Structure formats: structure tokens, C-alpha cells
Amino acid sequence: SALLVLDLQNDTLGMKEYTQKDVLVKNINEAIEFAKENEMDIIYTKQVFSKPLDKLLSGGLYAENKEGSELSPQVEVLSSQVYTKERTDAFSNEELEKYLLNQKITTVYIVGADASACVYKTALGGVNRNYQVIILEDCIFSVSDKLYNKALKDYEANGIEVSNLKELFTE
């Protein structure tokens, strides 16, 4: 198993739309600690935009080699496995999947941002590649409750398991 920590970067945690950041970061750090204690691989992703049009459309967020695109110091980084991506699906970085295959990882737990975008697209990418994908619902961000609730329904409709920290800790 691996814990996949999506896009917890300075730009992400700086967005005012993400309410409850402190609680979510605390929960995510607890999941990271659990993964370390249980010898799970811990993998981080960073959304990065290098192409001029992408930089323009993102309003300068996640610009390559800028402080905003770096992992937030609020998040425990306990692994050197950090992959950048230019698309919402983390599996768009072929090196990530090579790593998972080399480590014989078949189950990925996903935490991070954003529930209705990168988390959802990465989860679909994992399911489409025959990974068991489990979203920890108390460890994902969304810009609104409406989008968060829709994402939860979309996960279940697409064979993506939904769990939480309490269930993870009792496994």
C-alpha cells in the first residue's frame, strides 16, 4: 500500500476557498504518520505549470520553480518520493506509475486537494489501471461543500472506495 498526498503546496494552502485547512492538514499529517509507522510508501505530488498558457490560465498559481509550487512546510514530508504533474491525474507522470509497479503497490490511499479535481481524476486514473483506490474523506480538500458532496457520490459511482482516518487506524 501507498499513501498518495496530492498537491499540498504553498499555493494550495494559501487559497481562501479552502476552509477547515488546519483540521485537514492535521488529519493529513496523522495519515502520513500512520503510513510511516506501518511501513507504507508515502508519495507526494505537486501541481506545476511550466507552459505559458497554463501559467496564464492558472493566474500564476503553481508556476514552475516558484515558492507557491513547493510543498507546504505545514505538511510532514517523510519521503523523497515527490512527483510533479501538469495535469490533474497524478498518473499522468509516468515515473509515478513506474515507482508503484517497481514497489509492487496495488492499493493507494489518497489525501489532499482538490476533492472534485485532482483527487477525483487521480482516483479514476488509479482505478483505470487496476489499483485499489481508497479516498480518506476527512483528509481531502474542496472549495465548497457542494463540490465535496458531489465528489463523494462520483467516487462511489466509479468504484472508488471512501474511508476515513478512524477506519484506517483500525485496519
Protein backbone atom coordinates (compact mmCIF):
# COMPACT_ATOMS: atom_id res chain seq x y z
CA SER A 1 0.00 0.00 0.00
CA ALA A 2 0.97 3.61 -0.50
CA LEU A 3 -0.32 6.92 0.76
CA LEU A 4 -0.59 9.42 -2.08
CA VAL A 5 -0.52 13.03 -0.83
CA LEU A 6 -1.81 15.30 -3.59
CA ASP A 7 -0.85 18.92 -4.15
CA LEU A 8 -0.39 20.23 -0.61
CA GLN A 9 1.64 23.15 -1.80
CA ASN A 10 2.03 26.73 -0.63
CA ASP A 11 -0.40 27.95 -3.31
CA THR A 12 -2.99 25.34 -2.30
CA LEU A 13 -2.91 26.14 1.40
CA GLY A 14 -2.95 29.85 0.58
CA MET A 15 -6.36 29.66 -1.12
CA LYS A 16 -9.11 31.28 0.95
CA GLU A 17 -11.71 28.94 -0.59
CA TYR A 18 -10.27 26.07 1.39
CA THR A 19 -11.87 26.38 4.79
CA GLN A 20 -11.03 24.00 7.63
CA LYS A 21 -7.39 23.93 6.45
CA ASP A 22 -5.97 23.47 9.93
CA VAL A 23 -8.14 20.43 10.66
CA LEU A 24 -7.48 18.90 7.25
CA VAL A 25 -3.71 19.41 7.46
CA LYS A 26 -3.75 17.88 10.97
CA ASN A 27 -5.68 14.87 9.64
CA ILE A 28 -3.36 14.50 6.66
CA ASN A 29 -0.29 14.65 8.90
CA GLU A 30 -1.87 11.93 11.06
CA ALA A 31 -2.36 9.80 7.94
CA ILE A 32 1.28 10.40 6.97
CA GLU A 33 2.44 9.36 10.46
CA PHE A 34 0.25 6.24 10.27
CA ALA A 35 1.74 5.37 6.88
CA LYS A 36 5.27 5.77 8.24
CA GLU A 37 4.56 3.67 11.34
CA ASN A 38 3.02 0.94 9.18
CA GLU A 39 5.81 0.99 6.60
CA MET A 40 3.57 2.17 3.79
CA ASP A 41 5.18 4.07 0.96
CA ILE A 42 4.47 7.79 1.15
CA ILE A 43 4.31 9.63 -2.15
CA TYR A 44 3.78 13.36 -2.70
CA THR A 45 2.65 15.13 -5.85
CA LYS A 46 2.98 18.75 -6.86
CA GLN A 47 0.87 20.50 -9.46
CA VAL A 48 3.26 22.53 -11.60
CA PHE A 49 2.59 24.68 -14.63
CA SER A 50 5.51 25.35 -16.97
CA LYS A 51 3.71 26.22 -20.20
CA PRO A 52 2.88 29.92 -20.72
CA LEU A 53 -0.83 29.30 -21.42
CA ASP A 54 -1.23 27.10 -18.33
CA LYS A 55 0.51 29.74 -16.20
CA LEU A 56 -1.82 32.39 -17.58
CA LEU A 57 -4.99 30.34 -17.08
CA SER A 58 -3.98 29.45 -13.51
CA GLY A 59 -3.44 33.10 -12.64
CA GLY A 60 0.18 32.34 -11.81
CA LEU A 61 -0.62 29.61 -9.31
CA TYR A 62 1.68 26.56 -9.25
CA ALA A 63 4.24 28.22 -11.54
CA GLU A 64 7.26 26.02 -12.03
CA ASN A 65 10.23 26.83 -9.76
CA LYS A 66 8.24 29.33 -7.67
CA GLU A 67 7.66 29.22 -3.93
CA GLY A 68 3.92 28.67 -4.42
CA SER A 69 4.52 25.37 -6.18
CA GLU A 70 6.65 23.96 -3.34
CA LEU A 71 5.24 21.54 -0.77
CA SER A 72 3.89 23.43 2.22
CA PRO A 73 6.01 23.35 5.38
CA GLN A 74 2.74 22.64 7.25
CA VAL A 75 2.74 19.14 5.76
CA GLU A 76 5.07 16.45 7.06
CA VAL A 77 7.33 15.35 4.25
CA LEU A 78 8.69 11.95 5.25
CA SER A 79 9.70 10.63 1.85
CA SER A 80 11.85 11.62 -1.08
CA GLN A 81 9.16 10.34 -3.45
CA VAL A 82 7.88 13.64 -4.91
CA TYR A 83 6.42 13.74 -8.40
CA THR A 84 5.36 16.78 -10.39
CA LYS A 85 2.41 16.80 -12.72
CA GLU A 86 0.99 19.23 -15.24
CA ARG A 87 -2.41 17.54 -15.46
CA THR A 88 -4.98 16.75 -12.78
CA ASP A 89 -4.32 12.98 -12.84
CA ALA A 90 -1.13 12.16 -10.92
CA PHE A 91 -0.79 9.06 -13.11
CA SER A 92 -0.03 11.41 -16.00
CA ASN A 93 3.52 11.33 -14.59
CA GLU A 94 4.80 8.00 -15.91
CA GLU A 95 7.55 7.90 -13.26
CA LEU A 96 4.90 7.65 -10.53
CA GLU A 97 3.39 4.55 -12.02
CA LYS A 98 6.83 3.03 -12.64
CA TYR A 99 7.57 3.52 -8.96
CA LEU A 100 4.29 1.89 -7.90
CA LEU A 101 4.90 -1.07 -10.20
CA ASN A 102 8.51 -1.50 -9.05
CA GLN A 103 7.40 -1.46 -5.41
CA LYS A 104 4.54 -3.90 -6.20
CA ILE A 105 2.00 -1.48 -4.76
CA THR A 106 -1.60 -2.45 -5.52
CA THR A 107 -3.51 -0.21 -3.10
CA VAL A 108 -3.31 3.59 -2.91
CA TYR A 109 -4.86 5.75 -0.23
CA ILE A 110 -5.40 9.30 -1.46
CA VAL A 111 -5.40 12.51 0.59
CA GLY A 112 -5.05 16.17 -0.41
CA ALA A 113 -6.52 18.64 -2.85
CA ASP A 114 -8.93 19.04 -4.61
CA ALA A 115 -11.74 16.54 -3.98
CA SER A 116 -13.55 17.29 -7.23
CA ALA A 117 -10.50 17.77 -9.44
CA CYS A 118 -7.04 16.25 -8.82
CA VAL A 119 -8.20 13.78 -6.17
CA TYR A 120 -11.05 12.60 -8.39
CA LYS A 121 -9.01 12.40 -11.61
CA THR A 122 -6.12 10.63 -9.88
CA ALA A 123 -8.51 8.17 -8.25
CA LEU A 124 -10.07 7.44 -11.66
CA GLY A 125 -6.60 7.06 -13.14
CA GLY A 126 -5.77 4.54 -10.43
CA VAL A 127 -8.98 2.55 -10.86
CA ASN A 128 -8.46 2.51 -14.64
CA ARG A 129 -5.01 1.00 -14.01
CA ASN A 130 -6.46 -1.66 -11.70
CA TYR A 131 -5.26 -0.23 -8.39
CA GLN A 132 -7.46 -0.46 -5.34
CA VAL A 133 -8.10 3.22 -4.60
CA ILE A 134 -9.29 4.44 -1.23
CA ILE A 135 -10.07 8.10 -0.54
CA LEU A 136 -9.79 9.26 3.07
CA GLU A 137 -12.78 11.60 3.19
CA ASP A 138 -11.58 13.51 6.26
CA CYS A 139 -8.25 14.22 4.54
CA ILE A 140 -9.39 15.84 1.28
CA PHE A 141 -9.95 19.49 0.43
CA SER A 142 -12.68 21.07 -1.66
CA VAL A 143 -13.56 24.66 -2.48
CA SER A 144 -17.18 24.10 -1.43
CA ASP A 145 -19.37 21.65 0.47
CA LYS A 146 -21.47 21.18 -2.66
CA LEU A 147 -18.48 20.06 -4.75
CA TYR A 148 -17.19 17.91 -1.88
CA ASN A 149 -20.52 16.08 -1.57
CA LYS A 150 -20.77 15.64 -5.35
CA ALA A 151 -17.24 14.24 -5.42
CA LEU A 152 -18.12 11.65 -2.76
CA LYS A 153 -21.04 10.47 -4.91
CA ASP A 154 -18.83 10.41 -8.02
CA TYR A 155 -16.21 8.30 -6.23
CA GLU A 156 -18.70 5.65 -5.24
CA ALA A 157 -20.32 5.66 -8.70
CA ASN A 158 -16.91 4.90 -10.22
CA GLY A 159 -15.74 2.11 -7.92
CA ILE A 160 -13.55 4.31 -5.74
CA GLU A 161 -13.70 3.36 -2.09
CA VAL A 162 -14.29 6.03 0.54
CA SER A 163 -12.97 5.63 4.05
CA ASN A 164 -11.66 7.85 6.85
CA LEU A 165 -8.83 8.05 9.38
CA LYS A 166 -10.70 6.15 12.07
CA GLU A 167 -11.25 3.20 9.74
CA LEU A 168 -7.63 3.39 8.55
CA PHE A 169 -6.34 3.28 12.12
CA THR A 170 -8.41 0.16 12.89
CA GLU A 171 -7.33 -1.82 9.80
